[in-house]
Amino acid sequence: MKQSARLILIAGGTCSGKTTIAKAIGRRLEDLKTVILSHDNYYRDLADLPIPERAKVNFDHPDSIDKEYLLGDLNEMLAGKAVNVPDYSFVTHSRSEGTLCIAEADVIILEGIFALYYPELIALSDLKIYVDTDADTRLARRIGRDIIDRGRAVEGVLDQYLQTVKPSHAAFIEPSKKNADVIIPGDKEFDKVLYMLNGYLLYELVSKTRKHGSRTDPI
């Protein structure tokens, strides 16, 4: 399948600042039709399991992502075809049909803790970024996010962090840093790093995309 869009991968530990970096890059590509995705939308659907069993699944292991589904949709998006991105509920741990439809994008930015883990995903990418943030900072951010956005108790958040998040980070996520083209410090001002990347973004993504006649319509 011919690839017409460009793919940027952004990885890093939990709450490292991946989405913030993705949005910052997206703003620099304002002349292109750019979409930002999270591989969190592609966690495996656990609706067939009893509710108490769903929470026991290790969501910080690469096998928790439906890699085949993600790669299938991503290949379609990169070829310019329309794809309905699924929704995922972290409350019920189930996946449903989403409302976000992507078609004829120029640049796709995919962020997630395993964005640089899967070789098949890396092979599709044009730029690979790892957001490197101090563990204490990431934990503090995660506690706030899970309590406010996901209705969890602090004890449960800490237990999950110690039982699965921290070990999985050491085993799968931190080692994927070696696959990055660029490492950005997520707990510091990263504007200078993005400024240095700007030349690449403008030439490799904007200029070459225009040269090949891709669309630049707004989303």
N, C-alpha and C. Protein backbone atom coordinates (compact mmCIF):
# COMPACT_ATOMS: atom_id res chain seq x y z
N MET A 1 0.84 -1.20 0.00
CA MET A 1 0.00 0.00 0.00
C MET A 1 0.88 1.25 0.00
N LYS A 2 0.66 2.16 -0.96
CA LYS A 2 1.47 3.36 -1.08
C LYS A 2 1.21 4.32 0.08
N GLN A 3 2.31 4.83 0.66
CA GLN A 3 2.19 5.75 1.79
C GLN A 3 2.31 7.18 1.29
N SER A 4 1.28 8.00 1.53
CA SER A 4 1.30 9.39 1.07
C SER A 4 1.49 10.37 2.21
N ALA A 5 1.06 10.01 3.41
CA ALA A 5 1.22 10.89 4.58
C ALA A 5 2.54 10.60 5.28
N ARG A 6 2.96 11.51 6.15
CA ARG A 6 4.16 11.34 6.96
C ARG A 6 3.76 10.99 8.38
N LEU A 7 4.58 10.18 9.05
CA LEU A 7 4.27 9.73 10.40
C LEU A 7 5.34 10.15 11.39
N ILE A 8 4.92 10.82 12.45
CA ILE A 8 5.80 11.19 13.56
C ILE A 8 5.38 10.37 14.77
N LEU A 9 6.33 9.69 15.40
CA LEU A 9 6.07 8.91 16.60
C LEU A 9 6.63 9.64 17.82
N ILE A 10 5.83 9.70 18.89
CA ILE A 10 6.28 10.34 20.13
C ILE A 10 6.04 9.37 21.29
N ALA A 11 7.12 8.93 21.91
CA ALA A 11 7.04 7.99 23.02
C ALA A 11 7.59 8.63 24.29
N GLY A 12 7.47 7.89 25.39
CA GLY A 12 7.94 8.37 26.69
C GLY A 12 7.11 7.72 27.78
N GLY A 13 7.56 7.83 29.00
CA GLY A 13 6.85 7.23 30.11
C GLY A 13 5.50 7.86 30.36
N THR A 14 4.73 7.27 31.25
CA THR A 14 3.43 7.80 31.62
C THR A 14 3.54 9.25 32.06
N CYS A 15 2.66 10.09 31.53
CA CYS A 15 2.58 11.51 31.90
C CYS A 15 3.91 12.23 31.72
N SER A 16 4.65 11.87 30.70
CA SER A 16 5.94 12.52 30.45
C SER A 16 5.80 13.83 29.69
N GLY A 17 4.64 14.04 29.05
CA GLY A 17 4.44 15.26 28.27
C GLY A 17 4.32 15.01 26.78
N LYS A 18 3.98 13.77 26.42
CA LYS A 18 3.90 13.39 25.01
C LYS A 18 2.85 14.19 24.26
N THR A 19 1.67 14.35 24.85
CA THR A 19 0.59 15.08 24.18
C THR A 19 0.96 16.55 24.02
N THR A 20 1.61 17.13 25.02
CA THR A 20 2.03 18.53 24.95
C THR A 20 3.00 18.74 23.79
N ILE A 21 3.97 17.84 23.67
CA ILE A 21 4.94 17.92 22.57
C ILE A 21 4.24 17.74 21.23
N ALA A 22 3.31 16.79 21.16
CA ALA A 22 2.60 16.53 19.92
C ALA A 22 1.84 17.77 19.46
N LYS A 23 1.16 18.43 20.39
CA LYS A 23 0.41 19.64 20.04
C LYS A 23 1.34 20.77 19.61
N ALA A 24 2.49 20.87 20.28
CA ALA A 24 3.45 21.91 19.93
C ALA A 24 3.98 21.71 18.51
N ILE A 25 4.24 20.46 18.14
CA ILE A 25 4.70 20.17 16.79
C ILE A 25 3.58 20.43 15.79
N GLY A 26 2.37 20.03 16.14
CA GLY A 26 1.23 20.25 15.27
C GLY A 26 1.03 21.72 14.93
N ARG A 27 1.28 22.60 15.91
CA ARG A 27 1.14 24.04 15.67
C ARG A 27 2.17 24.53 14.66
N ARG A 28 3.33 23.89 14.61
CA ARG A 28 4.37 24.29 13.67
C ARG A 28 4.09 23.77 12.26
N LEU A 29 3.14 22.89 12.14
CA LEU A 29 2.78 22.34 10.83
C LEU A 29 1.41 22.84 10.41
N GLU A 30 1.15 24.10 10.71
CA GLU A 30 -0.19 24.66 10.51
C GLU A 30 -0.60 24.71 9.05
N ASP A 31 0.37 24.66 8.13
CA ASP A 31 0.03 24.69 6.71
C ASP A 31 -0.34 23.31 6.15
N LEU A 32 -0.22 22.29 7.01
CA LEU A 32 -0.54 20.94 6.57
C LEU A 32 -1.74 20.39 7.34
N LYS A 33 -2.40 19.44 6.76
CA LYS A 33 -3.48 18.76 7.47
C LYS A 33 -2.84 17.74 8.40
N THR A 34 -2.78 18.11 9.67
CA THR A 34 -2.08 17.30 10.67
C THR A 34 -3.06 16.78 11.70
N VAL A 35 -2.95 15.50 12.02
CA VAL A 35 -3.81 14.90 13.05
C VAL A 35 -2.94 14.28 14.13
N ILE A 36 -3.43 14.34 15.36
CA ILE A 36 -2.73 13.78 16.51
C ILE A 36 -3.54 12.62 17.07
N LEU A 37 -2.91 11.46 17.19
CA LEU A 37 -3.57 10.26 17.70
C LEU A 37 -2.83 9.75 18.92
N SER A 38 -3.56 9.03 19.77
CA SER A 38 -2.95 8.32 20.88
C SER A 38 -3.17 6.83 20.68
N HIS A 39 -2.13 6.04 20.91
CA HIS A 39 -2.35 4.59 20.77
C HIS A 39 -3.18 4.04 21.92
N ASP A 40 -3.51 4.90 22.91
CA ASP A 40 -4.42 4.49 23.98
C ASP A 40 -5.80 4.11 23.43
N ASN A 41 -6.17 4.66 22.28
CA ASN A 41 -7.45 4.33 21.67
C ASN A 41 -7.48 2.87 21.20
N TYR A 42 -6.32 2.25 21.14
CA TYR A 42 -6.22 0.90 20.60
C TYR A 42 -5.87 -0.14 21.67
N TYR A 43 -6.18 0.16 22.93
CA TYR A 43 -6.07 -0.89 23.94
C TYR A 43 -7.07 -1.99 23.59
N ARG A 44 -6.73 -3.21 23.95
CA ARG A 44 -7.62 -4.33 23.63
C ARG A 44 -8.95 -4.18 24.35
N ASP A 45 -10.02 -4.52 23.65
CA ASP A 45 -11.36 -4.45 24.21
C ASP A 45 -11.56 -5.58 25.22
N LEU A 46 -11.85 -5.23 26.46
CA LEU A 46 -12.01 -6.24 27.52
C LEU A 46 -13.47 -6.44 27.90
N ALA A 47 -14.39 -6.05 27.03
CA ALA A 47 -15.81 -6.12 27.34
C ALA A 47 -16.29 -7.54 27.60
N ASP A 48 -15.54 -8.54 27.11
CA ASP A 48 -15.95 -9.93 27.30
C ASP A 48 -15.54 -10.47 28.67
N LEU A 49 -14.76 -9.70 29.43
CA LEU A 49 -14.33 -10.14 30.76
C LEU A 49 -15.26 -9.57 31.83
N PRO A 50 -15.43 -10.27 32.95
CA PRO A 50 -16.18 -9.70 34.08
C PRO A 50 -15.49 -8.42 34.53
N ILE A 51 -16.28 -7.44 34.96
CA ILE A 51 -15.72 -6.13 35.32
C ILE A 51 -14.59 -6.22 36.34
N PRO A 52 -14.68 -7.05 37.39
CA PRO A 52 -13.56 -7.13 38.34
C PRO A 52 -12.25 -7.62 37.70
N GLU A 53 -12.38 -8.45 36.64
CA GLU A 53 -11.20 -9.00 35.99
C GLU A 53 -10.52 -7.98 35.07
N ARG A 54 -11.30 -7.03 34.57
CA ARG A 54 -10.75 -6.06 33.63
C ARG A 54 -9.68 -5.19 34.29
N ALA A 55 -9.92 -4.80 35.51
CA ALA A 55 -8.98 -3.92 36.21
C ALA A 55 -7.67 -4.62 36.56
N LYS A 56 -7.66 -5.95 36.47
CA LYS A 56 -6.45 -6.70 36.82
C LYS A 56 -5.47 -6.81 35.66
N VAL A 57 -5.92 -6.41 34.47
CA VAL A 57 -5.06 -6.51 33.28
C VAL A 57 -3.93 -5.48 33.38
N ASN A 58 -2.75 -5.87 32.96
CA ASN A 58 -1.59 -4.98 32.98
C ASN A 58 -1.61 -4.10 31.73
N PHE A 59 -2.08 -2.87 31.90
CA PHE A 59 -2.18 -1.94 30.78
C PHE A 59 -0.84 -1.29 30.45
N ASP A 60 0.19 -1.64 31.20
CA ASP A 60 1.52 -1.09 30.95
C ASP A 60 2.43 -2.13 30.31
N HIS A 61 1.83 -3.14 29.70
CA HIS A 61 2.57 -4.15 28.96
C HIS A 61 2.24 -3.97 27.47
N PRO A 62 3.22 -4.14 26.58
CA PRO A 62 2.95 -3.96 25.14
C PRO A 62 1.83 -4.82 24.60
N ASP A 63 1.59 -5.98 25.20
CA ASP A 63 0.52 -6.86 24.72
C ASP A 63 -0.87 -6.30 24.98
N SER A 64 -0.97 -5.26 25.81
CA SER A 64 -2.28 -4.67 26.10
C SER A 64 -2.81 -3.84 24.94
N ILE A 65 -1.93 -3.48 24.02
CA ILE A 65 -2.33 -2.74 22.82
C ILE A 65 -2.69 -3.73 21.72
N ASP A 66 -3.80 -3.47 21.03
CA ASP A 66 -4.19 -4.29 19.89
C ASP A 66 -3.36 -3.82 18.70
N LYS A 67 -2.13 -4.33 18.63
CA LYS A 67 -1.16 -3.85 17.65
C LYS A 67 -1.65 -4.04 16.22
N GLU A 68 -2.26 -5.15 15.94
CA GLU A 68 -2.72 -5.43 14.58
C GLU A 68 -3.79 -4.43 14.14
N TYR A 69 -4.70 -4.12 15.06
CA TYR A 69 -5.76 -3.14 14.77
C TYR A 69 -5.14 -1.77 14.53
N LEU A 70 -4.20 -1.38 15.39
CA LEU A 70 -3.54 -0.09 15.27
C LEU A 70 -2.79 0.02 13.94
N LEU A 71 -1.99 -1.00 13.61
CA LEU A 71 -1.22 -0.96 12.38
C LEU A 71 -2.13 -0.96 11.15
N GLY A 72 -3.23 -1.70 11.23
CA GLY A 72 -4.17 -1.73 10.12
C GLY A 72 -4.76 -0.37 9.84
N ASP A 73 -5.23 0.29 10.90
CA ASP A 73 -5.80 1.62 10.74
C ASP A 73 -4.75 2.63 10.29
N LEU A 74 -3.57 2.52 10.87
CA LEU A 74 -2.51 3.48 10.55
C LEU A 74 -2.08 3.37 9.09
N ASN A 75 -1.97 2.17 8.58
CA ASN A 75 -1.62 2.00 7.17
C ASN A 75 -2.68 2.60 6.26
N GLU A 76 -3.94 2.45 6.66
CA GLU A 76 -5.03 3.06 5.88
C GLU A 76 -4.92 4.59 5.91
N MET A 77 -4.67 5.15 7.10
CA MET A 77 -4.52 6.61 7.23
C MET A 77 -3.35 7.13 6.41
N LEU A 78 -2.22 6.42 6.48
CA LEU A 78 -1.03 6.86 5.75
C LEU A 78 -1.24 6.82 4.25
N ALA A 79 -2.14 5.97 3.79
CA ALA A 79 -2.46 5.88 2.37
C ALA A 79 -3.55 6.88 1.97
N GLY A 80 -4.03 7.67 2.95
CA GLY A 80 -5.02 8.69 2.66
C GLY A 80 -6.46 8.23 2.76
N LYS A 81 -6.67 6.98 3.16
CA LYS A 81 -8.03 6.46 3.23
C LYS A 81 -8.71 6.87 4.54
N ALA A 82 -10.04 6.89 4.52
CA ALA A 82 -10.82 7.30 5.69
C ALA A 82 -10.83 6.19 6.73
N VAL A 83 -10.60 6.58 7.99
CA VAL A 83 -10.60 5.63 9.10
C VAL A 83 -11.35 6.25 10.27
N ASN A 84 -12.23 5.47 10.90
CA ASN A 84 -12.88 5.88 12.12
C ASN A 84 -12.05 5.38 13.30
N VAL A 85 -11.44 6.29 14.02
CA VAL A 85 -10.59 5.92 15.15
C VAL A 85 -11.48 5.50 16.32
N PRO A 86 -11.23 4.34 16.93
CA PRO A 86 -12.09 3.89 18.04
C PRO A 86 -11.91 4.72 19.29
N ASP A 87 -12.88 4.65 20.17
CA ASP A 87 -12.79 5.26 21.50
C ASP A 87 -12.48 4.16 22.51
N TYR A 88 -11.79 4.55 23.59
CA TYR A 88 -11.52 3.57 24.65
C TYR A 88 -11.86 4.19 25.99
N SER A 89 -12.60 3.45 26.80
CA SER A 89 -12.99 3.92 28.13
C SER A 89 -12.10 3.29 29.18
N PHE A 90 -11.41 4.14 29.95
CA PHE A 90 -10.57 3.63 31.04
C PHE A 90 -11.40 3.37 32.30
N VAL A 91 -12.67 3.68 32.24
CA VAL A 91 -13.57 3.40 33.36
C VAL A 91 -14.11 1.97 33.23
N THR A 92 -14.56 1.62 32.02
CA THR A 92 -15.11 0.28 31.78
C THR A 92 -14.11 -0.66 31.12
N HIS A 93 -12.97 -0.11 30.70
CA HIS A 93 -11.94 -0.89 30.00
C HIS A 93 -12.52 -1.58 28.77
N SER A 94 -13.28 -0.82 28.01
CA SER A 94 -13.88 -1.36 26.80
C SER A 94 -13.69 -0.38 25.64
N ARG A 95 -13.72 -0.91 24.44
CA ARG A 95 -13.50 -0.11 23.24
C ARG A 95 -14.80 0.00 22.46
N SER A 96 -15.03 1.14 21.87
CA SER A 96 -16.26 1.34 21.11
C SER A 96 -15.94 2.12 19.84
N GLU A 97 -16.91 2.14 18.93
CA GLU A 97 -16.73 2.88 17.68
C GLU A 97 -16.62 4.37 17.99
N GLY A 98 -15.61 5.01 17.44
CA GLY A 98 -15.38 6.42 17.72
C GLY A 98 -16.06 7.34 16.73
N THR A 99 -15.92 8.62 16.96
CA THR A 99 -16.53 9.64 16.09
C THR A 99 -15.49 10.40 15.29
N LEU A 100 -14.19 10.17 15.59
CA LEU A 100 -13.13 10.87 14.87
C LEU A 100 -12.82 10.13 13.58
N CYS A 101 -13.08 10.78 12.46
CA CYS A 101 -12.79 10.20 11.15
C CYS A 101 -11.61 10.93 10.54
N ILE A 102 -10.62 10.17 10.11
CA ILE A 102 -9.42 10.76 9.53
C ILE A 102 -9.29 10.31 8.08
N ALA A 103 -9.08 11.27 7.19
CA ALA A 103 -8.88 10.95 5.78
C ALA A 103 -7.97 12.00 5.16
N GLU A 104 -7.10 11.58 4.26
CA GLU A 104 -6.23 12.46 3.48
C GLU A 104 -5.41 13.41 4.35
N ALA A 105 -4.87 12.89 5.43
CA ALA A 105 -3.98 13.69 6.27
C ALA A 105 -2.61 13.82 5.60
N ASP A 106 -1.92 14.93 5.84
CA ASP A 106 -0.56 15.11 5.36
C ASP A 106 0.44 14.56 6.38
N VAL A 107 0.17 14.82 7.65
CA VAL A 107 1.06 14.38 8.73
C VAL A 107 0.22 13.75 9.83
N ILE A 108 0.64 12.59 10.30
CA ILE A 108 0.00 11.92 11.43
C ILE A 108 1.01 11.86 12.57
N ILE A 109 0.61 12.37 13.73
CA ILE A 109 1.45 12.31 14.92
C ILE A 109 0.82 11.29 15.86
N LEU A 110 1.54 10.20 16.13
CA LEU A 110 1.05 9.15 17.02
C LEU A 110 1.86 9.19 18.31
N GLU A 111 1.18 9.39 19.44
CA GLU A 111 1.87 9.41 20.72
C GLU A 111 1.37 8.29 21.61
N GLY A 112 2.26 7.79 22.46
CA GLY A 112 1.90 6.72 23.38
C GLY A 112 3.15 6.12 24.00
N ILE A 113 2.98 5.44 25.11
CA ILE A 113 4.14 4.92 25.82
C ILE A 113 4.89 3.86 25.01
N PHE A 114 4.19 3.18 24.09
CA PHE A 114 4.84 2.14 23.28
C PHE A 114 5.06 2.57 21.83
N ALA A 115 5.02 3.87 21.57
CA ALA A 115 5.14 4.36 20.19
C ALA A 115 6.46 3.98 19.54
N LEU A 116 7.51 3.79 20.34
CA LEU A 116 8.82 3.42 19.79
C LEU A 116 9.18 1.97 20.13
N TYR A 117 8.22 1.19 20.53
CA TYR A 117 8.49 -0.19 20.94
C TYR A 117 8.34 -1.19 19.79
N TYR A 118 7.28 -1.04 18.99
CA TYR A 118 6.98 -2.03 17.98
C TYR A 118 7.80 -1.77 16.70
N PRO A 119 8.58 -2.75 16.23
CA PRO A 119 9.39 -2.57 15.01
C PRO A 119 8.53 -2.22 13.79
N GLU A 120 7.34 -2.81 13.71
CA GLU A 120 6.47 -2.54 12.55
C GLU A 120 6.06 -1.07 12.50
N LEU A 121 5.88 -0.47 13.67
CA LEU A 121 5.49 0.93 13.74
C LEU A 121 6.68 1.83 13.39
N ILE A 122 7.83 1.49 13.91
CA ILE A 122 9.04 2.26 13.64
C ILE A 122 9.34 2.28 12.14
N ALA A 123 9.10 1.15 11.47
CA ALA A 123 9.38 1.05 10.04
C ALA A 123 8.53 2.01 9.20
N LEU A 124 7.38 2.41 9.72
CA LEU A 124 6.48 3.31 8.99
C LEU A 124 6.81 4.78 9.22
N SER A 125 7.64 5.07 10.20
CA SER A 125 7.78 6.45 10.68
C SER A 125 8.81 7.27 9.91
N ASP A 126 8.60 8.60 9.96
CA ASP A 126 9.54 9.54 9.36
C ASP A 126 10.36 10.26 10.42
N LEU A 127 9.83 10.38 11.63
CA LEU A 127 10.54 11.04 12.73
C LEU A 127 10.12 10.38 14.03
N LYS A 128 11.12 10.06 14.87
CA LYS A 128 10.86 9.34 16.13
C LYS A 128 11.39 10.18 17.29
N ILE A 129 10.49 10.49 18.24
CA ILE A 129 10.83 11.35 19.37
C ILE A 129 10.56 10.63 20.68
N TYR A 130 11.47 10.79 21.63
CA TYR A 130 11.26 10.25 22.97
C TYR A 130 11.27 11.41 23.96
N VAL A 131 10.24 11.48 24.79
CA VAL A 131 10.13 12.53 25.80
C VAL A 131 10.65 11.96 27.12
N ASP A 132 11.76 12.48 27.58
CA ASP A 132 12.46 11.94 28.74
C ASP A 132 12.19 12.82 29.96
N THR A 133 11.38 12.32 30.87
CA THR A 133 10.95 13.11 32.03
C THR A 133 11.24 12.36 33.32
N ASP A 134 11.67 13.10 34.34
CA ASP A 134 11.99 12.53 35.65
C ASP A 134 10.83 11.71 36.20
N ALA A 135 11.15 10.57 36.83
CA ALA A 135 10.12 9.65 37.32
C ALA A 135 9.22 10.29 38.37
N ASP A 136 9.77 11.09 39.27
CA ASP A 136 8.95 11.73 40.30
C ASP A 136 7.95 12.70 39.68
N THR A 137 8.39 13.42 38.67
CA THR A 137 7.50 14.35 37.98
C THR A 137 6.36 13.60 37.30
N ARG A 138 6.70 12.50 36.65
CA ARG A 138 5.68 11.71 35.97
C ARG A 138 4.67 11.11 36.96
N LEU A 139 5.15 10.65 38.10
CA LEU A 139 4.25 10.08 39.10
C LEU A 139 3.29 11.14 39.64
N ALA A 140 3.82 12.32 39.95
CA ALA A 140 2.97 13.39 40.45
C ALA A 140 1.88 13.75 39.45
N ARG A 141 2.26 13.84 38.18
CA ARG A 141 1.28 14.14 37.14
C ARG A 141 0.24 13.03 37.01
N ARG A 142 0.69 11.78 37.11
CA ARG A 142 -0.23 10.64 36.97
C ARG A 142 -1.24 10.60 38.10
N ILE A 143 -0.81 10.88 39.31
CA ILE A 143 -1.73 10.89 40.45
C ILE A 143 -2.83 11.91 40.20
N GLY A 144 -2.43 13.11 39.79
CA GLY A 144 -3.42 14.15 39.51
C GLY A 144 -4.37 13.76 38.39
N ARG A 145 -3.83 13.21 37.31
CA ARG A 145 -4.67 12.81 36.17
C ARG A 145 -5.65 11.73 36.53
N ASP A 146 -5.18 10.66 37.19
CA ASP A 146 -6.04 9.52 37.47
C ASP A 146 -7.12 9.84 38.49
N ILE A 147 -6.83 10.71 39.42
CA ILE A 147 -7.82 11.10 40.41
C ILE A 147 -8.88 12.00 39.79
N ILE A 148 -8.43 12.98 39.02
CA ILE A 148 -9.36 13.97 38.46
C ILE A 148 -10.11 13.42 37.25
N ASP A 149 -9.37 12.82 36.31
CA ASP A 149 -9.98 12.41 35.04
C ASP A 149 -10.58 11.00 35.06
N ARG A 150 -10.06 10.13 35.92
CA ARG A 150 -10.50 8.74 35.88
C ARG A 150 -11.15 8.28 37.18
N GLY A 151 -11.33 9.21 38.12
CA GLY A 151 -12.08 8.91 39.33
C GLY A 151 -11.47 7.85 40.23
N ARG A 152 -10.15 7.76 40.27
CA ARG A 152 -9.49 6.74 41.07
C ARG A 152 -8.97 7.30 42.39
N ALA A 153 -8.79 6.40 43.35
CA ALA A 153 -8.26 6.79 44.66
C ALA A 153 -6.74 6.79 44.61
N VAL A 154 -6.13 7.66 45.40
CA VAL A 154 -4.68 7.79 45.36
C VAL A 154 -3.99 6.48 45.72
N GLU A 155 -4.58 5.71 46.65
CA GLU A 155 -3.96 4.43 47.03
C GLU A 155 -3.90 3.48 45.84
N GLY A 156 -4.97 3.45 45.05
CA GLY A 156 -5.01 2.58 43.89
C GLY A 156 -4.02 3.00 42.82
N VAL A 157 -3.88 4.31 42.66
CA VAL A 157 -2.94 4.84 41.67
C VAL A 157 -1.51 4.46 42.04
N LEU A 158 -1.18 4.63 43.32
CA LEU A 158 0.17 4.31 43.78
C LEU A 158 0.45 2.81 43.69
N ASP A 159 -0.55 2.02 44.02
CA ASP A 159 -0.36 0.57 43.95
C ASP A 159 -0.12 0.13 42.51
N GLN A 160 -0.90 0.66 41.58
CA GLN A 160 -0.72 0.32 40.18
C GLN A 160 0.66 0.77 39.68
N TYR A 161 1.08 1.94 40.13
CA TYR A 161 2.37 2.46 39.71
C TYR A 161 3.50 1.53 40.13
N LEU A 162 3.45 1.07 41.37
CA LEU A 162 4.51 0.21 41.89
C LEU A 162 4.46 -1.20 41.31
N GLN A 163 3.23 -1.69 41.08
CA GLN A 163 3.06 -3.07 40.64
C GLN A 163 3.33 -3.25 39.14
N THR A 164 2.88 -2.30 38.32
CA THR A 164 2.99 -2.49 36.87
C THR A 164 3.66 -1.34 36.13
N VAL A 165 3.32 -0.09 36.48
CA VAL A 165 3.81 1.05 35.70
C VAL A 165 5.33 1.17 35.77
N LYS A 166 5.87 1.20 36.98
CA LYS A 166 7.31 1.36 37.14
C LYS A 166 8.11 0.20 36.55
N PRO A 167 7.74 -1.07 36.85
CA PRO A 167 8.49 -2.19 36.25
C PRO A 167 8.40 -2.22 34.72
N SER A 168 7.22 -1.92 34.18
CA SER A 168 7.05 -1.94 32.73
C SER A 168 7.83 -0.81 32.06
N HIS A 169 7.92 0.31 32.75
CA HIS A 169 8.71 1.41 32.19
C HIS A 169 10.17 0.98 32.03
N ALA A 170 10.69 0.34 33.07
CA ALA A 170 12.08 -0.12 33.04
C ALA A 170 12.30 -1.21 32.00
N ALA A 171 11.30 -2.08 31.82
CA ALA A 171 11.46 -3.24 30.94
C ALA A 171 11.20 -2.92 29.47
N PHE A 172 10.24 -2.04 29.17
CA PHE A 172 9.81 -1.84 27.79
C PHE A 172 9.97 -0.42 27.26
N ILE A 173 9.66 0.57 28.09
CA ILE A 173 9.59 1.95 27.59
C ILE A 173 10.95 2.63 27.57
N GLU A 174 11.65 2.60 28.70
CA GLU A 174 12.98 3.21 28.75
C GLU A 174 13.91 2.63 27.68
N PRO A 175 13.94 1.31 27.48
CA PRO A 175 14.82 0.76 26.43
C PRO A 175 14.46 1.23 25.02
N SER A 176 13.19 1.62 24.80
CA SER A 176 12.79 2.06 23.46
C SER A 176 13.37 3.42 23.10
N LYS A 177 13.98 4.07 24.08
CA LYS A 177 14.62 5.37 23.84
C LYS A 177 15.69 5.26 22.76
N LYS A 178 16.33 4.11 22.66
CA LYS A 178 17.40 3.92 21.68
C LYS A 178 16.89 4.03 20.25
N ASN A 179 15.59 3.89 20.05
CA ASN A 179 15.01 3.96 18.71
C ASN A 179 14.69 5.39 18.29
N ALA A 180 14.87 6.35 19.19
CA ALA A 180 14.50 7.74 18.92
C ALA A 180 15.53 8.45 18.04
N ASP A 181 15.03 9.34 17.20
CA ASP A 181 15.90 10.26 16.46
C ASP A 181 16.25 11.46 17.32
N VAL A 182 15.29 11.84 18.18
CA VAL A 182 15.44 13.02 19.04
C VAL A 182 14.93 12.69 20.43
N ILE A 183 15.67 13.12 21.45
CA ILE A 183 15.22 12.97 22.84
C ILE A 183 14.97 14.36 23.41
N ILE A 184 13.75 14.58 23.90
CA ILE A 184 13.36 15.89 24.42
C ILE A 184 13.15 15.80 25.93
N PRO A 185 13.76 16.69 26.71
CA PRO A 185 13.54 16.69 28.17
C PRO A 185 12.14 17.22 28.48
N GLY A 186 11.27 16.36 28.97
CA GLY A 186 9.88 16.74 29.18
C GLY A 186 9.62 17.54 30.44
N ASP A 187 10.62 17.64 31.34
CA ASP A 187 10.42 18.41 32.57
C ASP A 187 11.15 19.75 32.53
N LYS A 188 11.58 20.16 31.33
CA LYS A 188 12.23 21.45 31.15
C LYS A 188 11.58 22.18 29.98
N GLU A 189 12.02 23.41 29.75
CA GLU A 189 11.52 24.14 28.59
C GLU A 189 12.02 23.46 27.33
N PHE A 190 11.11 23.06 26.47
CA PHE A 190 11.52 22.33 25.27
C PHE A 190 11.40 23.16 24.01
N ASP A 191 11.12 24.47 24.16
CA ASP A 191 10.97 25.32 22.98
C ASP A 191 12.24 25.37 22.14
N LYS A 192 13.41 25.36 22.81
CA LYS A 192 14.67 25.42 22.07
C LYS A 192 14.85 24.17 21.22
N VAL A 193 14.47 23.02 21.78
CA VAL A 193 14.60 21.77 21.02
C VAL A 193 13.68 21.79 19.81
N LEU A 194 12.45 22.25 20.01
CA LEU A 194 11.51 22.31 18.89
C LEU A 194 11.95 23.34 17.86
N TYR A 195 12.59 24.40 18.33
CA TYR A 195 13.09 25.41 17.40
C TYR A 195 14.16 24.80 16.49
N MET A 196 15.03 23.96 17.08
CA MET A 196 16.06 23.31 16.29
C MET A 196 15.45 22.28 15.33
N LEU A 197 14.33 21.69 15.74
CA LEU A 197 13.65 20.72 14.88
C LEU A 197 12.89 21.40 13.75
N ASN A 198 12.67 22.69 13.90
CA ASN A 198 11.81 23.40 12.97
C ASN A 198 12.31 23.29 11.53
N GLY A 199 13.64 23.34 11.35
CA GLY A 199 14.20 23.23 10.01
C GLY A 199 13.85 21.90 9.37
N TYR A 200 13.96 20.85 10.15
CA TYR A 200 13.62 19.52 9.64
C TYR A 200 12.13 19.45 9.30
N LEU A 201 11.31 19.94 10.25
CA LEU A 201 9.87 19.87 10.04
C LEU A 201 9.45 20.62 8.79
N LEU A 202 10.01 21.81 8.60
CA LEU A 202 9.63 22.62 7.45
C LEU A 202 10.11 22.01 6.14
N TYR A 203 11.33 21.47 6.12
CA TYR A 203 11.87 20.92 4.88
C TYR A 203 11.35 19.52 4.59
N GLU A 204 11.54 18.63 5.55
CA GLU A 204 11.21 17.23 5.32
C GLU A 204 9.70 16.98 5.22
N LEU A 205 8.93 17.69 6.03
CA LEU A 205 7.49 17.44 6.04
C LEU A 205 6.72 18.43 5.17
N VAL A 206 6.94 19.73 5.37
CA VAL A 206 6.17 20.72 4.63
C VAL A 206 6.57 20.78 3.17
N SER A 207 7.87 21.02 2.90
CA SER A 207 8.32 21.19 1.52
C SER A 207 8.10 19.95 0.68
N LYS A 208 8.49 18.79 1.21
CA LYS A 208 8.37 17.56 0.42
C LYS A 208 6.92 17.15 0.24
N THR A 209 6.08 17.43 1.25
CA THR A 209 4.67 17.09 1.11
C THR A 209 4.03 17.94 0.02
N ARG A 210 4.37 19.23 0.01
CA ARG A 210 3.83 20.10 -1.04
C ARG A 210 4.33 19.67 -2.41
N LYS A 211 5.60 19.26 -2.49
CA LYS A 211 6.19 18.83 -3.75
C LYS A 211 5.44 17.66 -4.34
N HIS A 212 4.97 16.78 -3.46
CA HIS A 212 4.24 15.61 -3.93
C HIS A 212 2.75 15.87 -4.10
N GLY A 213 2.33 17.13 -3.87
CA GLY A 213 0.96 17.48 -4.17
C GLY A 213 -0.06 17.03 -3.19
N SER A 214 0.31 16.88 -1.89
CA SER A 214 -0.67 16.48 -0.89
C SER A 214 -1.58 17.64 -0.56
N ARG A 215 -2.74 17.34 0.00
CA ARG A 215 -3.70 18.37 0.38
C ARG A 215 -3.22 19.13 1.59
N THR A 216 -3.66 20.37 1.68
CA THR A 216 -3.34 21.19 2.85
C THR A 216 -4.61 21.79 3.45
N ASP A 217 -5.74 21.13 3.21
CA ASP A 217 -6.99 21.62 3.77
C ASP A 217 -6.99 21.49 5.28
N PRO A 218 -7.69 22.39 6.00
CA PRO A 218 -7.80 22.24 7.45
C PRO A 218 -8.60 21.00 7.82
N ILE A 219 -8.38 20.50 9.03
CA ILE A 219 -9.11 19.30 9.49
C ILE A 219 -10.58 19.61 9.60
